[in-house]
Protein backbone atom coordinates (compact mmCIF):
# COMPACT_ATOMS: atom_id res chain seq x y z
CA TRP A 1 -37.78 -9.36 -9.34
CA ALA A 2 -36.62 -12.31 -9.17
CA ALA A 3 -38.33 -13.53 -6.75
CA SER A 4 -41.96 -12.57 -9.12
CA TYR A 5 -40.14 -14.17 -11.40
CA ALA A 6 -39.05 -17.57 -9.80
CA TRP A 7 -42.90 -17.92 -9.30
CA PHE A 8 -43.74 -16.96 -12.99
CA SER A 9 -40.69 -20.23 -14.40
CA ILE A 10 -43.73 -22.66 -13.72
CA ASP A 11 -46.69 -21.77 -15.86
CA GLU A 12 -43.61 -19.76 -18.37
CA ARG A 13 -46.27 -16.75 -18.14
CA TRP A 14 -43.70 -14.82 -19.86
CA GLY A 15 -44.66 -16.73 -23.50
CA GLN A 16 -42.45 -18.53 -25.90
CA THR A 17 -39.93 -16.23 -28.00
CA TYR A 18 -37.62 -13.31 -27.73
CA GLU A 19 -40.59 -10.80 -28.53
CA GLU A 20 -42.61 -12.07 -25.99
CA SER A 21 -40.04 -12.37 -23.40
CA ALA A 22 -39.14 -8.36 -23.92
CA GLU A 23 -42.89 -7.88 -24.44
CA PHE A 24 -43.85 -8.93 -21.21
CA PHE A 25 -41.35 -7.39 -19.21
CA SER A 26 -41.91 -4.07 -20.27
CA SER A 27 -45.46 -3.86 -20.02
CA THR A 28 -46.59 -6.42 -18.64
CA PHE A 29 -44.48 -7.20 -15.44
CA LEU A 30 -43.18 -3.18 -15.38
CA ASN A 31 -46.00 -1.40 -16.66
CA ALA A 32 -42.79 0.38 -17.75
CA ALA A 33 -43.16 4.55 -18.18
CA ASN A 34 -40.63 7.38 -18.77
CA GLY A 35 -40.50 10.76 -16.97
CA PHE A 36 -40.68 11.20 -12.78
CA GLY A 37 -44.00 9.57 -10.85
CA PHE A 38 -44.60 7.64 -8.00
CA ASP A 39 -46.94 5.50 -9.94
CA PHE A 40 -46.52 2.11 -8.16
CA VAL A 41 -47.03 -1.51 -9.34
CA PRO A 42 -48.02 -3.55 -6.40
CA SER A 43 -47.07 -7.37 -7.57
CA ILE A 44 -43.57 -5.60 -7.02
CA ALA A 45 -43.96 -3.58 -4.61
CA ILE A 46 -44.92 -6.31 -2.72
CA VAL A 47 -42.16 -8.71 -3.53
CA LEU A 48 -39.56 -5.82 -2.29
CA VAL A 49 -41.57 -5.08 1.46
CA ALA A 50 -40.78 -8.51 1.75
CA VAL A 51 -37.00 -8.04 1.11
CA TRP A 52 -36.64 -6.00 3.02
CA VAL A 53 -38.17 -7.32 6.28
CA ILE A 54 -35.97 -10.74 5.45
CA THR A 55 -32.63 -8.21 4.92
CA LEU A 56 -33.75 -6.27 8.19
CA GLY A 57 -34.55 -9.46 10.15
CA VAL A 58 -30.98 -10.86 9.07
CA LEU A 59 -29.50 -7.30 10.34
CA LEU A 60 -30.60 -7.54 13.31
CA ALA A 61 -30.07 -10.92 14.65
CA GLY A 62 -26.52 -8.88 13.95
CA VAL A 63 -23.28 -10.45 12.82
CA GLN A 64 -22.91 -13.64 13.50
CA LYS A 65 -25.91 -14.64 14.33
CA GLY A 66 -27.32 -13.27 10.95
CA ILE A 67 -24.90 -12.26 8.51
CA GLY A 68 -22.79 -15.27 9.00
CA ARG A 69 -25.52 -17.57 9.66
CA THR A 70 -27.28 -16.33 6.31
CA ALA A 71 -23.90 -16.45 4.70
CA LEU A 72 -23.24 -20.05 5.45
CA ILE A 73 -26.14 -21.22 3.78
CA PHE A 74 -27.09 -18.57 1.45
CA VAL A 75 -23.34 -18.85 -0.42
CA PRO A 76 -22.85 -22.97 -0.94
CA LEU A 77 -26.36 -22.95 -2.18
CA LEU A 78 -25.48 -20.11 -4.24
CA VAL A 79 -22.85 -21.99 -5.54
CA VAL A 80 -24.33 -25.66 -5.71
CA LEU A 81 -27.66 -24.11 -7.65
CA PHE A 82 -25.64 -22.51 -10.05
CA ALA A 83 -23.08 -25.14 -10.80
CA ALA A 84 -25.50 -27.69 -11.80
CA LEU A 85 -27.11 -24.24 -14.12
CA VAL A 86 -23.94 -24.68 -15.37
CA ILE A 87 -23.45 -28.08 -16.51
CA ARG A 88 -27.11 -28.38 -17.59
CA SER A 89 -26.33 -25.17 -20.29
CA LEU A 90 -23.62 -26.96 -22.02
CA PHE A 91 -25.24 -30.09 -23.26
CA LEU A 92 -27.25 -27.25 -25.05
CA ASN A 93 -27.60 -26.76 -28.60
CA GLY A 94 -25.55 -23.76 -29.75
CA ALA A 95 -23.52 -23.86 -26.41
CA MET A 96 -20.82 -24.45 -28.17
CA ASP A 97 -20.85 -21.22 -30.59
CA GLY A 98 -21.85 -19.48 -27.07
CA LEU A 99 -18.22 -20.48 -25.65
CA ASN A 100 -16.62 -19.40 -28.88
CA MET A 101 -18.04 -16.01 -28.26
CA PHE A 102 -17.13 -16.08 -24.68
CA PHE A 103 -13.04 -17.29 -25.05
CA THR A 104 -12.53 -14.58 -28.27
CA PRO A 105 -11.22 -11.66 -26.99
CA ASP A 106 -12.09 -8.63 -29.22
CA TRP A 107 -8.66 -6.90 -28.33
CA SER A 108 -9.91 -3.10 -29.85
CA VAL A 109 -12.36 -2.83 -26.74
CA LEU A 110 -9.35 -1.97 -24.51
CA THR A 111 -8.54 1.59 -26.10
CA GLN A 112 -12.05 1.97 -25.64
CA PRO A 113 -12.11 3.73 -21.54
CA ALA A 114 -16.06 2.98 -20.73
CA VAL A 115 -15.21 -0.62 -21.08
CA TRP A 116 -12.05 -0.07 -18.57
CA VAL A 117 -15.00 2.26 -16.13
CA ALA A 118 -16.89 -0.81 -16.83
CA ALA A 119 -14.74 -3.36 -16.10
CA TYR A 120 -13.76 -1.67 -12.46
CA GLY A 121 -17.28 -1.17 -11.75
CA GLN A 122 -17.90 -5.11 -11.85
CA ILE A 123 -15.20 -6.25 -9.95
CA PHE A 124 -15.20 -3.74 -7.24
CA PHE A 125 -18.78 -4.46 -6.51
CA SER A 126 -17.91 -8.03 -6.89
CA LEU A 127 -15.23 -8.31 -4.64
CA SER A 128 -17.02 -4.84 -2.46
CA VAL A 129 -14.15 -3.43 -2.90
CA GLY A 130 -15.19 0.89 -2.72
CA PHE A 131 -18.33 0.51 -0.66
CA GLY A 132 -16.68 0.11 2.67
CA ILE A 133 -18.04 -3.51 2.33
CA MET A 134 -14.31 -4.59 3.28
CA LEU A 135 -13.48 -2.18 5.86
CA THR A 136 -16.37 -2.85 8.59
CA TYR A 137 -16.00 -6.97 7.71
CA SER A 138 -12.56 -6.27 8.24
CA SER A 139 -13.49 -4.54 11.62
CA TYR A 140 -14.73 -7.55 13.16
CA LEU A 141 -11.30 -10.05 12.60
CA LYS A 142 -8.23 -9.85 15.09
CA ARG A 143 -6.04 -7.89 15.06
CA LYS A 144 -2.59 -10.77 13.79
CA THR A 145 -5.48 -12.08 11.09
CA ASN A 146 -3.78 -12.86 7.86
CA LEU A 147 -5.31 -10.62 5.39
CA THR A 148 -3.13 -11.75 1.88
CA SER A 149 -4.25 -15.07 1.67
CA SER A 150 -7.67 -14.05 2.14
CA GLY A 151 -7.46 -11.48 0.45
CA LEU A 152 -6.18 -14.28 -2.60
CA VAL A 153 -8.61 -16.67 -1.54
CA VAL A 154 -11.32 -13.46 -1.83
CA GLY A 155 -10.55 -12.47 -5.23
CA PHE A 156 -9.10 -15.80 -7.26
CA SER A 157 -12.71 -17.27 -5.72
CA ASN A 158 -14.14 -14.57 -7.11
CA SER A 159 -12.43 -14.73 -10.42
CA ALA A 160 -13.26 -18.58 -10.42
CA PHE A 161 -16.95 -18.58 -9.82
CA GLU A 162 -17.28 -15.35 -12.94
CA VAL A 163 -15.99 -17.29 -15.11
CA LEU A 164 -18.04 -20.27 -14.21
CA ALA A 165 -20.90 -17.80 -14.54
CA GLY A 166 -19.74 -16.56 -17.93
CA ILE A 167 -19.24 -20.58 -19.27
CA GLY A 168 -23.04 -20.56 -18.08
CA VAL A 169 -24.64 -17.62 -19.44
CA PHE A 170 -22.87 -17.82 -23.23
CA ALA A 171 -24.09 -21.66 -23.42
CA THR A 172 -27.20 -20.71 -23.06
CA LEU A 173 -27.00 -17.45 -25.43
CA GLY A 174 -25.67 -19.27 -27.52
CA PHE A 175 -28.93 -22.27 -27.34
CA LEU A 176 -31.44 -18.83 -27.71
CA VAL A 177 -29.56 -17.27 -30.85
CA THR A 178 -29.51 -20.77 -32.62
CA THR A 179 -32.57 -21.87 -31.72
CA SER A 180 -35.00 -18.29 -31.54
CA ALA A 181 -35.72 -16.31 -34.72
CA GLY A 182 -36.07 -13.52 -32.78
CA ALA A 183 -32.58 -13.06 -31.26
CA GLY A 184 -29.06 -12.67 -32.50
CA TRP A 185 -25.80 -11.45 -30.02
CA ASP A 186 -26.53 -7.59 -31.53
CA ASP A 187 -29.80 -8.02 -29.37
CA VAL A 188 -29.08 -8.97 -26.18
CA SER A 189 -28.14 -6.84 -23.84
CA GLY A 190 -26.35 -7.06 -20.51
CA GLY A 191 -27.84 -6.41 -17.31
CA PRO A 192 -31.71 -6.33 -16.86
CA GLY A 193 -32.42 -7.48 -20.48
CA LEU A 194 -30.22 -10.74 -20.22
CA ALA A 195 -31.70 -11.81 -17.21
CA PHE A 196 -35.53 -11.24 -17.39
CA ILE A 197 -35.77 -11.19 -21.73
CA ALA A 198 -32.73 -13.43 -22.91
CA PHE A 199 -33.36 -15.99 -20.17
CA PRO A 200 -37.02 -15.97 -19.86
CA ALA A 201 -37.19 -16.78 -23.57
CA LEU A 202 -34.35 -19.81 -23.58
CA ILE A 203 -35.57 -21.17 -20.89
CA SER A 204 -39.94 -21.68 -22.48
CA GLN A 205 -37.31 -23.74 -25.65
CA MET A 206 -35.27 -25.78 -22.97
CA PRO A 207 -36.52 -29.20 -21.81
CA GLY A 208 -37.70 -28.79 -18.67
CA GLY A 209 -37.53 -25.00 -18.71
CA PRO A 210 -39.29 -24.46 -15.68
CA VAL A 211 -37.16 -26.46 -12.91
CA TRP A 212 -34.67 -24.89 -14.54
CA GLY A 213 -35.97 -21.22 -14.48
CA VAL A 214 -36.32 -21.79 -10.89
CA VAL A 215 -32.98 -22.81 -10.26
CA PHE A 216 -31.45 -19.71 -12.35
CA PHE A 217 -34.54 -17.28 -10.64
CA VAL A 218 -33.61 -18.17 -7.32
CA CYS A 219 -29.69 -17.57 -7.47
CA LEU A 220 -30.09 -14.35 -8.72
CA ILE A 221 -32.07 -13.82 -5.73
CA LEU A 222 -29.11 -15.72 -3.75
CA ALA A 223 -27.12 -13.61 -4.76
CA GLY A 224 -28.87 -9.52 -5.30
CA LEU A 225 -30.06 -10.60 -0.73
CA THR A 226 -26.75 -11.27 -0.27
CA SER A 227 -25.59 -8.02 -2.06
CA LEU A 228 -28.54 -5.85 -0.34
CA ILE A 229 -26.94 -7.12 3.77
CA SER A 230 -23.61 -6.57 2.67
CA ILE A 231 -24.38 -2.83 1.85
CA VAL A 232 -26.30 -2.07 4.23
CA GLU A 233 -24.70 -3.72 6.63
CA VAL A 234 -21.68 -0.94 6.26
CA VAL A 235 -23.95 2.64 7.20
CA ILE A 236 -25.47 0.17 9.93
CA SER A 237 -21.87 -0.81 10.96
CA SER A 238 -20.70 3.01 11.35
CA PHE A 239 -23.32 4.47 12.33
CA GLN A 240 -23.48 2.25 15.39
CA ASP A 241 -19.86 3.10 15.98
CA LYS A 242 -19.83 6.78 15.54
CA VAL A 243 -23.66 6.97 17.86
CA GLY A 244 -22.51 5.04 20.42
CA VAL A 245 -26.63 3.42 20.22
CA SER A 246 -27.00 -0.55 20.40
CA ARG A 247 -27.66 -2.66 17.35
CA THR A 248 -31.63 -2.88 17.02
CA VAL A 249 -31.97 0.78 17.07
CA ALA A 250 -29.06 1.65 14.52
CA THR A 251 -30.82 -0.29 12.53
CA MET A 252 -33.89 0.78 12.44
CA ALA A 253 -32.52 3.90 12.50
CA ILE A 254 -30.95 3.26 9.31
CA GLY A 255 -32.34 1.16 7.84
CA VAL A 256 -35.99 1.55 7.77
CA PRO A 257 -35.52 5.40 5.76
CA MET A 258 -33.21 2.74 3.83
CA ALA A 259 -35.93 0.77 2.92
CA VAL A 260 -38.98 3.78 2.28
CA VAL A 261 -37.04 5.71 -0.73
CA SER A 262 -36.31 2.24 -1.64
CA ILE A 263 -40.35 1.39 -2.47
CA LEU A 264 -40.64 4.88 -3.10
CA LEU A 265 -38.57 4.72 -6.10
CA MET A 266 -38.43 0.99 -7.34
CA PRO A 267 -41.63 -0.76 -7.52
CA THR A 268 -43.25 1.96 -9.96
CA GLU A 269 -43.88 3.09 -13.27
CA GLN A 270 -40.38 4.23 -14.00
CA GLY A 271 -38.86 2.04 -12.44
CA LEU A 272 -36.18 0.57 -14.61
CA GLN A 273 -35.56 4.03 -15.64
CA ASN A 274 -34.51 4.64 -11.89
CA LEU A 275 -31.97 2.03 -11.89
CA ASP A 276 -30.21 3.09 -15.29
CA ILE A 277 -29.81 6.30 -13.28
CA LEU A 278 -28.86 5.47 -9.50
CA ASP A 279 -26.78 2.43 -11.65
CA LYS A 280 -24.81 4.23 -14.28
CA PHE A 281 -23.49 6.70 -11.01
CA ALA A 282 -22.95 3.75 -8.93
CA ASN A 283 -21.13 1.76 -10.91
CA SER A 284 -19.63 3.63 -13.32
CA ILE A 285 -19.24 6.75 -11.82
CA GLY A 286 -19.11 6.95 -7.98
CA ILE A 287 -17.25 3.88 -6.71
CA VAL A 288 -14.53 4.51 -10.00
CA GLY A 289 -14.08 8.03 -8.48
CA VAL A 290 -15.01 7.27 -4.52
CA ALA A 291 -11.86 4.75 -5.33
CA LEU A 292 -9.85 6.75 -7.05
CA ILE A 293 -10.24 9.72 -3.79
CA ALA A 294 -8.86 7.00 -1.24
CA LEU A 295 -6.06 6.31 -2.82
CA ILE A 296 -5.36 9.37 -3.79
CA VAL A 297 -5.79 10.18 0.27
CA VAL A 298 -4.28 6.81 1.15
CA MET A 299 -1.37 6.46 -0.46
CA PHE A 300 -0.58 10.13 -1.15
CA VAL A 301 -1.90 12.49 0.63
CA LEU A 302 -1.72 10.72 4.22
CA ARG A 303 1.36 8.40 2.73
CA LYS A 304 0.25 5.59 4.33
CA ALA A 305 1.22 3.09 2.05
CA PRO A 306 4.55 1.85 3.71
CA THR A 307 2.60 1.64 6.73
CA LEU A 308 -0.07 -1.01 5.50
CA ARG A 309 2.86 -2.45 3.95
CA ASP A 310 5.09 -3.54 7.37
CA HIS A 311 1.31 -4.01 9.12
CA LEU A 312 0.39 -6.61 6.30
CA ASN A 313 3.82 -7.57 5.86
CA SER A 314 3.95 -8.11 10.18
CA VAL A 315 0.62 -10.52 10.39
CA SER A 316 -0.06 -12.62 6.96
CA SER A 317 2.44 -15.20 5.38
CA PHE A 318 2.26 -13.74 1.28
CA LYS A 319 4.58 -10.91 1.58
CA ALA A 320 3.60 -7.18 -0.13
CA GLY A 321 6.22 -6.03 -1.78
CA PRO A 322 6.71 -2.85 -4.32
CA ILE A 323 4.57 -4.47 -6.44
CA TRP A 324 1.95 -3.71 -4.61
CA ILE A 325 3.01 0.10 -3.96
CA LEU A 326 3.35 1.25 -7.52
CA CYS A 327 0.46 -0.86 -8.58
CA LEU A 328 -1.85 1.07 -5.38
CA ALA A 329 0.37 4.54 -5.97
CA VAL A 330 1.39 4.51 -9.63
CA ILE A 331 -0.85 2.61 -12.04
CA THR A 332 -4.67 2.46 -10.77
CA PRO A 333 -5.10 5.93 -9.76
CA ILE A 334 -3.29 6.47 -13.78
CA VAL A 335 -6.26 3.94 -15.17
CA LEU A 336 -8.85 5.05 -13.02
CA ALA A 337 -8.21 8.95 -13.42
CA TYR A 338 -8.01 8.37 -17.30
CA SER A 339 -11.07 6.19 -17.51
CA LEU A 340 -13.20 7.97 -15.11
CA ILE A 341 -12.20 11.80 -17.36
CA MET A 342 -12.76 10.08 -20.36
CA GLU A 343 -16.35 8.67 -18.89
CA THR A 344 -17.32 11.60 -17.47
CA ILE A 345 -16.36 13.33 -20.33
CA SER A 346 -17.92 11.27 -23.86
């Protein structure tokens, strides 16, 4: 979708208003329909095949030559492009209204379990926790690697980038709400609606819109590709270790079937519906449930907290103490369990 919209940005073919953008995304681009079926949308299917070819090509090259070099290029490029987009957004009319909305908290929503589940799902996905991604990449490290310092750098860098992203998103949304008669704060949804309806609408109204449209959607492409590569690498690496096959065999045996399933489900008229279902299960229920089970097994069944703490403290500069164990063994499992149960019931 992002690749297609990067091309659409050149002539802003989604229209000039929020309503036109919504109609273009749902009807013209997705040709969206409900129910179950395999009615393909060729323009999306062709691009998705290209995405999988790129992904499998990177994975075939291996960790250092493929994933390492890709991350070395994509991640800095993503930061530079998005920083430019954020700076541009701060000079738009209504940007301050958007920032005021962003930095004014509504404390009452903290009593809603769905908010906590969504927050855990977001930070788990953002930090690649609960997917096995961090475990897979850590297996490539040397035995005596400073883990806690690296963890702190990754955690704070991720949060800093997300604050930067929030500033850019809400500043541009402030511009949209200020200048568009068809969109208010209650009309702007998250997820695909934000990226492929709200942002195209405001790009059409921004000075230099086509340029910033290409920049924005290229950022989405880079973020999506790096995430896809990491997720598929988990399964390929595990399969390679367990079965003892070559990198090429593991990549083709795992990557090709995953690509086929993806191509059968996503570039169809029911693609948006399928995405919503998979996203709800994976990010709102699946990843939180897996994290809860992992904590219970490691902390209480295997009782590995002291062993893990001692290993961290023996190789890392920032020491893990009682608070670390308290968070992993008590606070986080309670919050996860309560949030997951209430979300499932509701």
